[in-house]
Amino acid sequence: MDGFARALANGIGAMVLAMDPRLIVIGGGVAKAGTTVLDPIARHLASICYEVPDLQISTLGEDAVTIGAIEVARDRVRAELFTDS
């Protein structure tokens, strides 16, 4: 678990340093681990980031990625159908 949390923290840390978000939402397959994974990720982030943002598990759970993809597709269809081009 620690190695997995470290790998996630490295990727999340790069984004945090570039974008300075206040909240990181963990979704997809990682959400299955629930809050168990949050403390190790936060611990590793503390060594990477100046301030560790709040970490939460998505309420969408495993379906977060699928729902996000559907939303992107829906937005694209709307833009193509309802744009004056």
PDB file of N, CA and C in Angstrom:
ATOM      1  N   MET A   1       0.828  -1.182   0.000  1.00  0.00           N
ATOM      2  CA  MET A   1       0.000   0.000   0.000  1.00  0.00           C
ATOM      3  C   MET A   1       0.879   1.255   0.000  1.00  0.00           C
ATOM      4  N   ASP A   2       1.974   1.215   0.749  1.00  0.00           N
ATOM      5  CA  ASP A   2       2.821   2.398   0.854  1.00  0.00           C
ATOM      6  C   ASP A   2       3.439   2.780  -0.496  1.00  0.00           C
ATOM      7  N   GLY A   3       3.914   1.778  -1.239  1.00  0.00           N
ATOM      8  CA  GLY A   3       4.490   2.056  -2.559  1.00  0.00           C
ATOM      9  C   GLY A   3       3.456   2.613  -3.521  1.00  0.00           C
ATOM     10  N   PHE A   4       2.250   2.066  -3.460  1.00  0.00           N
ATOM     11  CA  PHE A   4       1.152   2.539  -4.300  1.00  0.00           C
ATOM     12  C   PHE A   4       0.806   3.981  -3.937  1.00  0.00           C
ATOM     13  N   ALA A   5       0.707   4.267  -2.638  1.00  0.00           N
ATOM     14  CA  ALA A   5       0.396   5.624  -2.174  1.00  0.00           C
ATOM     15  C   ALA A   5       1.489   6.600  -2.591  1.00  0.00           C
ATOM     16  N   ARG A   6       2.746   6.159  -2.536  1.00  0.00           N
ATOM     17  CA  ARG A   6       3.860   7.023  -2.937  1.00  0.00           C
ATOM     18  C   ARG A   6       3.777   7.355  -4.431  1.00  0.00           C
ATOM     19  N   ALA A   7       3.473   6.348  -5.246  1.00  0.00           N
ATOM     20  CA  ALA A   7       3.342   6.571  -6.685  1.00  0.00           C
ATOM     21  C   ALA A   7       2.211   7.544  -6.987  1.00  0.00           C
ATOM     22  N   LEU A   8       1.080   7.375  -6.321  1.00  0.00           N
ATOM     23  CA  LEU A   8      -0.037   8.310  -6.513  1.00  0.00           C
ATOM     24  C   LEU A   8       0.345   9.709  -6.054  1.00  0.00           C
ATOM     25  N   ALA A   9       1.003   9.796  -4.907  1.00  0.00           N
ATOM     26  CA  ALA A   9       1.400  11.101  -4.369  1.00  0.00           C
ATOM     27  C   ALA A   9       2.364  11.815  -5.308  1.00  0.00           C
ATOM     28  N   ASN A  10       3.251  11.075  -5.969  1.00  0.00           N
ATOM     29  CA  ASN A  10       4.175  11.713  -6.914  1.00  0.00           C
ATOM     30  C   ASN A  10       3.416  12.367  -8.069  1.00  0.00           C
ATOM     31  N   GLY A  11       2.434  11.653  -8.612  1.00  0.00           N
ATOM     32  CA  GLY A  11       1.626  12.228  -9.690  1.00  0.00           C
ATOM     33  C   GLY A  11       0.748  13.365  -9.214  1.00  0.00           C
ATOM     34  N   ILE A  12       0.101  13.165  -8.091  1.00  0.00           N
ATOM     35  CA  ILE A  12      -0.758  14.216  -7.528  1.00  0.00           C
ATOM     36  C   ILE A  12       0.086  15.430  -7.152  1.00  0.00           C
ATOM     37  N   GLY A  13       1.268  15.177  -6.576  1.00  0.00           N
ATOM     38  CA  GLY A  13       2.149  16.266  -6.156  1.00  0.00           C
ATOM     39  C   GLY A  13       2.550  17.161  -7.309  1.00  0.00           C
ATOM     40  N   ALA A  14       2.835  16.588  -8.467  1.00  0.00           N
ATOM     41  CA  ALA A  14       3.188  17.396  -9.638  1.00  0.00           C
ATOM     42  C   ALA A  14       2.039  18.326 -10.010  1.00  0.00           C
ATOM     43  N   MET A  15       0.825  17.798  -9.967  1.00  0.00           N
ATOM     44  CA  MET A  15      -0.334  18.620 -10.288  1.00  0.00           C
ATOM     45  C   MET A  15      -0.549  19.703  -9.234  1.00  0.00           C
ATOM     46  N   VAL A  16      -0.386  19.335  -7.971  1.00  0.00           N
ATOM     47  CA  VAL A  16      -0.579  20.300  -6.890  1.00  0.00           C
ATOM     48  C   VAL A  16       0.420  21.449  -7.012  1.00  0.00           C
ATOM     49  N   LEU A  17       1.667  21.133  -7.297  1.00  0.00           N
ATOM     50  CA  LEU A  17       2.685  22.176  -7.430  1.00  0.00           C
ATOM     51  C   LEU A  17       2.412  23.085  -8.622  1.00  0.00           C
ATOM     52  N   ALA A  18       1.823  22.543  -9.680  1.00  0.00           N
ATOM     53  CA  ALA A  18       1.536  23.335 -10.871  1.00  0.00           C
ATOM     54  C   ALA A  18       0.245  24.138 -10.764  1.00  0.00           C
ATOM     55  N   MET A  19      -0.759  23.584 -10.066  1.00  0.00           N
ATOM     56  CA  MET A  19      -2.084  24.205 -10.091  1.00  0.00           C
ATOM     57  C   MET A  19      -2.565  24.735  -8.750  1.00  0.00           C
ATOM     58  N   ASP A  20      -1.992  24.302  -7.648  1.00  0.00           N
ATOM     59  CA  ASP A  20      -2.367  24.742  -6.306  1.00  0.00           C
ATOM     60  C   ASP A  20      -3.864  24.564  -6.004  1.00  0.00           C
ATOM     61  N   PRO A  21      -4.394  23.339  -6.163  1.00  0.00           N
ATOM     62  CA  PRO A  21      -5.810  23.129  -5.866  1.00  0.00           C
ATOM     63  C   PRO A  21      -6.061  23.092  -4.357  1.00  0.00           C
ATOM     64  N   ARG A  22      -7.276  23.341  -3.975  1.00  0.00           N
ATOM     65  CA  ARG A  22      -7.658  23.262  -2.560  1.00  0.00           C
ATOM     66  C   ARG A  22      -8.180  21.878  -2.194  1.00  0.00           C
ATOM     67  N   LEU A  23      -8.588  21.128  -3.207  1.00  0.00           N
ATOM     68  CA  LEU A  23      -9.196  19.821  -2.975  1.00  0.00           C
ATOM     69  C   LEU A  23      -8.758  18.857  -4.068  1.00  0.00           C
ATOM     70  N   ILE A  24      -8.398  17.642  -3.658  1.00  0.00           N
ATOM     71  CA  ILE A  24      -8.105  16.558  -4.595  1.00  0.00           C
ATOM     72  C   ILE A  24      -9.144  15.476  -4.334  1.00  0.00           C
ATOM     73  N   VAL A  25      -9.860  15.084  -5.387  1.00  0.00           N
ATOM     74  CA  VAL A  25     -10.876  14.041  -5.269  1.00  0.00           C
ATOM     75  C   VAL A  25     -10.331  12.780  -5.928  1.00  0.00           C
ATOM     76  N   ILE A  26     -10.266  11.714  -5.156  1.00  0.00           N
ATOM     77  CA  ILE A  26      -9.764  10.428  -5.640  1.00  0.00           C
ATOM     78  C   ILE A  26     -10.952   9.608  -6.101  1.00  0.00           C
ATOM     79  N   GLY A  27     -10.929   9.182  -7.358  1.00  0.00           N
ATOM     80  CA  GLY A  27     -12.035   8.405  -7.897  1.00  0.00           C
ATOM     81  C   GLY A  27     -11.535   7.190  -8.643  1.00  0.00           C
ATOM     82  N   GLY A  28     -12.404   6.612  -9.445  1.00  0.00           N
ATOM     83  CA  GLY A  28     -12.037   5.437 -10.227  1.00  0.00           C
ATOM     84  C   GLY A  28     -11.781   4.229  -9.343  1.00  0.00           C
ATOM     85  N   GLY A  29     -10.930   3.340  -9.808  1.00  0.00           N
ATOM     86  CA  GLY A  29     -10.630   2.111  -9.078  1.00  0.00           C
ATOM     87  C   GLY A  29      -9.998   2.361  -7.725  1.00  0.00           C
ATOM     88  N   VAL A  30      -9.264   3.459  -7.587  1.00  0.00           N
ATOM     89  CA  VAL A  30      -8.615   3.786  -6.313  1.00  0.00           C
ATOM     90  C   VAL A  30      -9.658   4.061  -5.234  1.00  0.00           C
ATOM     91  N   ALA A  31     -10.825   4.530  -5.639  1.00  0.00           N
ATOM     92  CA  ALA A  31     -11.886   4.835  -4.678  1.00  0.00           C
ATOM     93  C   ALA A  31     -12.346   3.599  -3.923  1.00  0.00           C
ATOM     94  N   LYS A  32     -12.104   2.414  -4.496  1.00  0.00           N
ATOM     95  CA  LYS A  32     -12.475   1.168  -3.812  1.00  0.00           C
ATOM     96  C   LYS A  32     -11.773   1.047  -2.459  1.00  0.00           C
ATOM     97  N   ALA A  33     -10.564   1.578  -2.381  1.00  0.00           N
ATOM     98  CA  ALA A  33      -9.796   1.496  -1.129  1.00  0.00           C
ATOM     99  C   ALA A  33     -10.405   2.369  -0.048  1.00  0.00           C
ATOM    100  N   GLY A  34     -11.268   3.270  -0.429  1.00  0.00           N
ATOM    101  CA  GLY A  34     -11.905   4.157   0.544  1.00  0.00           C
ATOM    102  C   GLY A  34     -10.894   5.065   1.211  1.00  0.00           C
ATOM    103  N   THR A  35     -11.213   5.482   2.406  1.00  0.00           N
ATOM    104  CA  THR A  35     -10.360   6.435   3.112  1.00  0.00           C
ATOM    105  C   THR A  35      -9.034   5.823   3.559  1.00  0.00           C
ATOM    106  N   THR A  36      -8.902   4.515   3.472  1.00  0.00           N
ATOM    107  CA  THR A  36      -7.662   3.832   3.860  1.00  0.00           C
ATOM    108  C   THR A  36      -6.457   4.373   3.102  1.00  0.00           C
ATOM    109  N   VAL A  37      -6.656   4.751   1.866  1.00  0.00           N
ATOM    110  CA  VAL A  37      -5.556   5.208   1.024  1.00  0.00           C
ATOM    111  C   VAL A  37      -5.226   6.693   1.235  1.00  0.00           C
ATOM    112  N   LEU A  38      -6.125   7.442   1.840  1.00  0.00           N
ATOM    113  CA  LEU A  38      -5.929   8.888   1.959  1.00  0.00           C
ATOM    114  C   LEU A  38      -4.758   9.272   2.870  1.00  0.00           C
ATOM    115  N   ASP A  39      -4.645   8.657   4.034  1.00  0.00           N
ATOM    116  CA  ASP A  39      -3.561   9.012   4.957  1.00  0.00           C
ATOM    117  C   ASP A  39      -2.175   8.756   4.375  1.00  0.00           C
ATOM    118  N   PRO A  40      -1.929   7.576   3.771  1.00  0.00           N
ATOM    119  CA  PRO A  40      -0.608   7.373   3.170  1.00  0.00           C
ATOM    120  C   PRO A  40      -0.311   8.352   2.026  1.00  0.00           C
ATOM    121  N   ILE A  41      -1.307   8.674   1.217  1.00  0.00           N
ATOM    122  CA  ILE A  41      -1.088   9.641   0.137  1.00  0.00           C
ATOM    123  C   ILE A  41      -0.748  11.007   0.737  1.00  0.00           C
ATOM    124  N   ALA A  42      -1.515  11.422   1.731  1.00  0.00           N
ATOM    125  CA  ALA A  42      -1.266  12.727   2.369  1.00  0.00           C
ATOM    126  C   ALA A  42       0.125  12.772   2.990  1.00  0.00           C
ATOM    127  N   ARG A  43       0.546  11.691   3.592  1.00  0.00           N
ATOM    128  CA  ARG A  43       1.872  11.641   4.217  1.00  0.00           C
ATOM    129  C   ARG A  43       2.970  11.840   3.165  1.00  0.00           C
ATOM    130  N   HIS A  44       2.832  11.175   2.031  1.00  0.00           N
ATOM    131  CA  HIS A  44       3.821  11.328   0.963  1.00  0.00           C
ATOM    132  C   HIS A  44       3.728  12.706   0.314  1.00  0.00           C
ATOM    133  N   LEU A  45       2.531  13.235   0.189  1.00  0.00           N
ATOM    134  CA  LEU A  45       2.375  14.578  -0.374  1.00  0.00           C
ATOM    135  C   LEU A  45       3.051  15.630   0.506  1.00  0.00           C
ATOM    136  N   ALA A  46       3.050  15.410   1.801  1.00  0.00           N
ATOM    137  CA  ALA A  46       3.657  16.373   2.735  1.00  0.00           C
ATOM    138  C   ALA A  46       5.145  16.556   2.456  1.00  0.00           C
ATOM    139  N   SER A  47       5.788  15.538   1.901  1.00  0.00           N
ATOM    140  CA  SER A  47       7.209  15.676   1.591  1.00  0.00           C
ATOM    141  C   SER A  47       7.450  16.304   0.219  1.00  0.00           C
ATOM    142  N   ILE A  48       6.382  16.466  -0.570  1.00  0.00           N
ATOM    143  CA  ILE A  48       6.486  17.013  -1.922  1.00  0.00           C
ATOM    144  C   ILE A  48       5.965  18.449  -1.996  1.00  0.00           C
ATOM    145  N   CYS A  49       4.865  18.719  -1.310  1.00  0.00           N
ATOM    146  CA  CYS A  49       4.129  19.977  -1.449  1.00  0.00           C
ATOM    147  C   CYS A  49       4.345  20.895  -0.249  1.00  0.00           C
ATOM    148  N   TYR A  50       4.226  22.177  -0.516  1.00  0.00           N
ATOM    149  CA  TYR A  50       4.282  23.163   0.563  1.00  0.00           C
ATOM    150  C   TYR A  50       3.081  23.019   1.480  1.00  0.00           C
ATOM    151  N   GLU A  51       1.908  22.890   0.872  1.00  0.00           N
ATOM    152  CA  GLU A  51       0.666  22.663   1.616  1.00  0.00           C
ATOM    153  C   GLU A  51      -0.071  21.498   0.966  1.00  0.00           C
ATOM    154  N   VAL A  52      -0.488  20.554   1.771  1.00  0.00           N
ATOM    155  CA  VAL A  52      -1.233  19.406   1.243  1.00  0.00           C
ATOM    156  C   VAL A  52      -2.703  19.793   1.164  1.00  0.00           C
ATOM    157  N   PRO A  53      -3.301  19.723  -0.037  1.00  0.00           N
ATOM    158  CA  PRO A  53      -4.720  20.034  -0.151  1.00  0.00           C
ATOM    159  C   PRO A  53      -5.566  18.959   0.521  1.00  0.00           C
ATOM    160  N   ASP A  54      -6.809  19.286   0.764  1.00  0.00           N
ATOM    161  CA  ASP A  54      -7.748  18.323   1.322  1.00  0.00           C
ATOM    162  C   ASP A  54      -7.899  17.170   0.334  1.00  0.00           C
ATOM    163  N   LEU A  55      -7.897  15.958   0.817  1.00  0.00           N
ATOM    164  CA  LEU A  55      -8.083  14.761  -0.010  1.00  0.00           C
ATOM    165  C   LEU A  55      -9.418  14.115   0.351  1.00  0.00           C
ATOM    166  N   GLN A  56     -10.200  13.776  -0.667  1.00  0.00           N
ATOM    167  CA  GLN A  56     -11.498  13.140  -0.453  1.00  0.00           C
ATOM    168  C   GLN A  56     -11.678  12.010  -1.455  1.00  0.00           C
ATOM    169  N   ILE A  57     -12.470  11.020  -1.077  1.00  0.00           N
ATOM    170  CA  ILE A  57     -12.859   9.951  -1.994  1.00  0.00           C
ATOM    171  C   ILE A  57     -14.124  10.400  -2.714  1.00  0.00           C
ATOM    172  N   SER A  58     -14.161  10.229  -4.024  1.00  0.00           N
ATOM    173  CA  SER A  58     -15.319  10.618  -4.822  1.00  0.00           C
ATOM    174  C   SER A  58     -16.561   9.857  -4.377  1.00  0.00           C
ATOM    175  N   THR A  59     -17.666  10.544  -4.306  1.00  0.00           N
ATOM    176  CA  THR A  59     -18.930   9.877  -3.992  1.00  0.00           C
ATOM    177  C   THR A  59     -19.404   9.037  -5.174  1.00  0.00           C
ATOM    178  N   LEU A  60     -18.798   9.242  -6.345  1.00  0.00           N
ATOM    179  CA  LEU A  60     -19.142   8.446  -7.523  1.00  0.00           C
ATOM    180  C   LEU A  60     -18.402   7.118  -7.536  1.00  0.00           C
ATOM    181  N   GLY A  61     -17.415   6.969  -6.659  1.00  0.00           N
ATOM    182  CA  GLY A  61     -16.675   5.714  -6.553  1.00  0.00           C
ATOM    183  C   GLY A  61     -16.018   5.307  -7.850  1.00  0.00           C
ATOM    184  N   GLU A  62     -16.133   4.031  -8.167  1.00  0.00           N
ATOM    185  CA  GLU A  62     -15.520   3.483  -9.379  1.00  0.00           C
ATOM    186  C   GLU A  62     -16.084   4.094 -10.653  1.00  0.00           C
ATOM    187  N   ASP A  63     -17.298   4.594 -10.593  1.00  0.00           N
ATOM    188  CA  ASP A  63     -17.960   5.108 -11.789  1.00  0.00           C
ATOM    189  C   ASP A  63     -17.514   6.522 -12.171  1.00  0.00           C
ATOM    190  N   ALA A  64     -16.656   7.136 -11.392  1.00  0.00           N
ATOM    191  CA  ALA A  64     -16.242   8.515 -11.648  1.00  0.00           C
ATOM    192  C   ALA A  64     -15.653   8.684 -13.049  1.00  0.00           C
ATOM    193  N   VAL A  65     -14.793   7.774 -13.452  1.00  0.00           N
ATOM    194  CA  VAL A  65     -14.144   7.881 -14.758  1.00  0.00           C
ATOM    195  C   VAL A  65     -15.167   7.734 -15.878  1.00  0.00           C
ATOM    196  N   THR A  66     -16.052   6.761 -15.750  1.00  0.00           N
ATOM    197  CA  THR A  66     -17.071   6.535 -16.772  1.00  0.00           C
ATOM    198  C   THR A  66     -18.017   7.722 -16.876  1.00  0.00           C
ATOM    199  N   ILE A  67     -18.459   8.224 -15.742  1.00  0.00           N
ATOM    200  CA  ILE A  67     -19.375   9.367 -15.744  1.00  0.00           C
ATOM    201  C   ILE A  67     -18.681  10.598 -16.332  1.00  0.00           C
ATOM    202  N   GLY A  68     -17.411  10.792 -15.993  1.00  0.00           N
ATOM    203  CA  GLY A  68     -16.658  11.911 -16.560  1.00  0.00           C
ATOM    204  C   GLY A  68     -16.552  11.807 -18.071  1.00  0.00           C
ATOM    205  N   ALA A  69     -16.289  10.622 -18.586  1.00  0.00           N
ATOM    206  CA  ALA A  69     -16.183  10.421 -20.030  1.00  0.00           C
ATOM    207  C   ALA A  69     -17.524  10.695 -20.717  1.00  0.00           C
ATOM    208  N   ILE A  70     -18.602  10.257 -20.103  1.00  0.00           N
ATOM    209  CA  ILE A  70     -19.930  10.509 -20.664  1.00  0.00           C
ATOM    210  C   ILE A  70     -20.228  12.002 -20.686  1.00  0.00           C
ATOM    211  N   GLU A  71     -19.859  12.706 -19.627  1.00  0.00           N
ATOM    212  CA  GLU A  71     -20.088  14.154 -19.566  1.00  0.00           C
ATOM    213  C   GLU A  71     -19.291  14.887 -20.652  1.00  0.00           C
ATOM    214  N   VAL A  72     -18.046  14.488 -20.869  1.00  0.00           N
ATOM    215  CA  VAL A  72     -17.226  15.109 -21.912  1.00  0.00           C
ATOM    216  C   VAL A  72     -17.850  14.857 -23.279  1.00  0.00           C
ATOM    217  N   ALA A  73     -18.286  13.634 -23.529  1.00  0.00           N
ATOM    218  CA  ALA A  73     -18.909  13.301 -24.804  1.00  0.00           C
ATOM    219  C   ALA A  73     -20.200  14.098 -25.002  1.00  0.00           C
ATOM    220  N   ARG A  74     -20.991  14.196 -23.960  1.00  0.00           N
ATOM    221  CA  ARG A  74     -22.251  14.952 -24.044  1.00  0.00           C
ATOM    222  C   ARG A  74     -21.974  16.416 -24.354  1.00  0.00           C
ATOM    223  N   ASP A  75     -20.986  17.002 -23.683  1.00  0.00           N
ATOM    224  CA  ASP A  75     -20.642  18.407 -23.937  1.00  0.00           C
ATOM    225  C   ASP A  75     -20.168  18.612 -25.370  1.00  0.00           C
ATOM    226  N   ARG A  76     -19.403  17.650 -25.879  1.00  0.00           N
ATOM    227  CA  ARG A  76     -18.904  17.749 -27.253  1.00  0.00           C
ATOM    228  C   ARG A  76     -20.048  17.694 -28.253  1.00  0.00           C
ATOM    229  N   VAL A  77     -20.990  16.776 -28.040  1.00  0.00           N
ATOM    230  CA  VAL A  77     -22.146  16.666 -28.928  1.00  0.00           C
ATOM    231  C   VAL A  77     -22.970  17.947 -28.896  1.00  0.00           C
ATOM    232  N   ARG A  78     -23.219  18.465 -27.703  1.00  0.00           N
ATOM    233  CA  ARG A  78     -23.985  19.727 -27.583  1.00  0.00           C
ATOM    234  C   ARG A  78     -23.273  20.860 -28.322  1.00  0.00           C
ATOM    235  N   ALA A  79     -21.957  20.949 -28.152  1.00  0.00           N
ATOM    236  CA  ALA A  79     -21.203  22.021 -28.810  1.00  0.00           C
ATOM    237  C   ALA A  79     -21.296  21.900 -30.318  1.00  0.00           C
ATOM    238  N   GLU A  80     -21.229  20.695 -30.832  1.00  0.00           N
ATOM    239  CA  GLU A  80     -21.279  20.494 -32.289  1.00  0.00           C
ATOM    240  C   GLU A  80     -22.683  20.707 -32.840  1.00  0.00           C
ATOM    241  N   LEU A  81     -23.708  20.329 -32.083  1.00  0.00           N
ATOM    242  CA  LEU A  81     -25.073  20.447 -32.574  1.00  0.00           C
ATOM    243  C   LEU A  81     -25.630  21.859 -32.451  1.00  0.00           C
ATOM    244  N   PHE A  82     -25.223  22.555 -31.408  1.00  0.00           N
ATOM    245  CA  PHE A  82     -25.854  23.842 -31.109  1.00  0.00           C
ATOM    246  C   PHE A  82     -24.904  25.043 -31.247  1.00  0.00           C
ATOM    247  N   THR A  83     -23.911  24.919 -32.129  1.00  0.00           N
ATOM    248  CA  THR A  83     -23.000  26.029 -32.357  1.00  0.00           C
ATOM    249  C   THR A  83     -23.260  26.593 -33.755  1.00  0.00           C
ATOM    250  N   ASP A  84     -23.181  27.888 -33.852  1.00  0.00           N
ATOM    251  CA  ASP A  84     -23.373  28.541 -35.153  1.00  0.00           C
ATOM    252  C   ASP A  84     -22.081  28.455 -35.961  1.00  0.00           C
ATOM    253  N   SER A  85     -21.924  27.379 -36.711  1.00  0.00           N
ATOM    254  CA  SER A  85     -20.722  27.215 -37.550  1.00  0.00           C
ATOM    255  C   SER A  85     -21.090  26.807 -38.935  1.00  0.00           C
TER     256      SER A  85
END
